[in-house]
Amino acid sequence: MIKMQKGYLLKGKSRVVTDKSIIADVKDEDFEEVQIAIPVNQIKNWAEEIELIGLDEEEEF
């Protein structure tokens, strides 16, 4: 199964983010909206990693 996620490609670069604010000092027009295909198994792996390093706690990380 695949999860489709909206992302933003930084024009002229090989970088895609899911939140434009991750990259500082870049204007909205410097991004192109794209769709990212993420296998559910990858999401499960990320969730396990987050739990293992303790980032699943209530505190901000």
Protein backbone atom coordinates (compact mmCIF):
# COMPACT_ATOMS: atom_id res chain seq x y z
CA MET A 1 0.00 0.00 0.00
CA ILE A 2 1.15 3.51 -0.81
CA LYS A 3 0.38 6.77 1.03
CA MET A 4 0.27 9.82 -1.19
CA GLN A 5 1.49 12.98 0.54
CA LYS A 6 1.60 16.56 -0.69
CA GLY A 7 5.13 17.89 -0.83
CA TYR A 8 7.04 20.89 -2.09
CA LEU A 9 9.98 20.66 -4.47
CA LEU A 10 12.50 23.46 -4.07
CA LYS A 11 12.95 24.62 -7.65
CA GLY A 12 16.43 24.04 -9.05
CA LYS A 13 17.36 21.67 -6.20
CA SER A 14 16.89 17.99 -5.45
CA ARG A 15 15.02 18.67 -2.22
CA VAL A 16 11.41 17.92 -1.36
CA VAL A 17 9.80 18.86 1.95
CA THR A 18 6.32 18.36 3.40
CA ASP A 19 6.39 21.73 5.17
CA LYS A 20 7.79 24.82 3.44
CA SER A 21 8.92 26.32 6.75
CA ILE A 22 11.63 23.63 7.04
CA ILE A 23 13.77 25.63 4.61
CA ALA A 24 14.52 29.14 5.83
CA ASP A 25 14.69 32.27 3.68
CA VAL A 26 12.83 30.80 0.68
CA LYS A 27 9.76 32.37 -0.94
CA ASP A 28 6.57 30.44 -1.71
CA GLU A 29 7.17 30.90 -5.43
CA ASP A 30 10.50 29.03 -5.09
CA PHE A 31 8.53 25.81 -4.49
CA GLU A 32 6.58 23.56 -6.83
CA GLU A 33 3.80 21.45 -5.31
CA VAL A 34 4.35 17.71 -5.91
CA GLN A 35 2.94 14.39 -4.75
CA ILE A 36 5.20 12.04 -2.79
CA ALA A 37 4.50 8.29 -2.85
CA ILE A 38 5.51 6.73 0.48
CA PRO A 39 5.17 2.97 1.02
CA VAL A 40 3.27 2.20 4.24
CA ASN A 41 6.14 -0.09 5.31
CA GLN A 42 8.44 2.95 5.27
CA ILE A 43 6.02 4.86 7.48
CA LYS A 44 5.95 1.91 9.91
CA ASN A 45 9.77 1.89 9.97
CA TRP A 46 9.84 5.62 10.74
CA ALA A 47 7.30 5.12 13.55
CA GLU A 48 9.46 2.39 15.09
CA GLU A 49 12.56 4.60 14.87
CA ILE A 50 10.70 7.50 16.50
CA GLU A 51 9.59 5.21 19.33
CA LEU A 52 13.09 3.78 19.79
CA ILE A 53 14.74 7.18 20.16
CA GLY A 54 12.01 8.44 22.47
CA LEU A 55 10.50 11.08 20.21
CA ASP A 56 7.00 9.67 20.71
CA GLU A 57 6.75 11.32 24.12
CA GLU A 58 4.42 14.26 24.75
CA GLU A 59 7.31 16.76 24.72
CA GLU A 60 8.17 18.79 21.63
CA PHE A 61 11.00 17.37 19.57
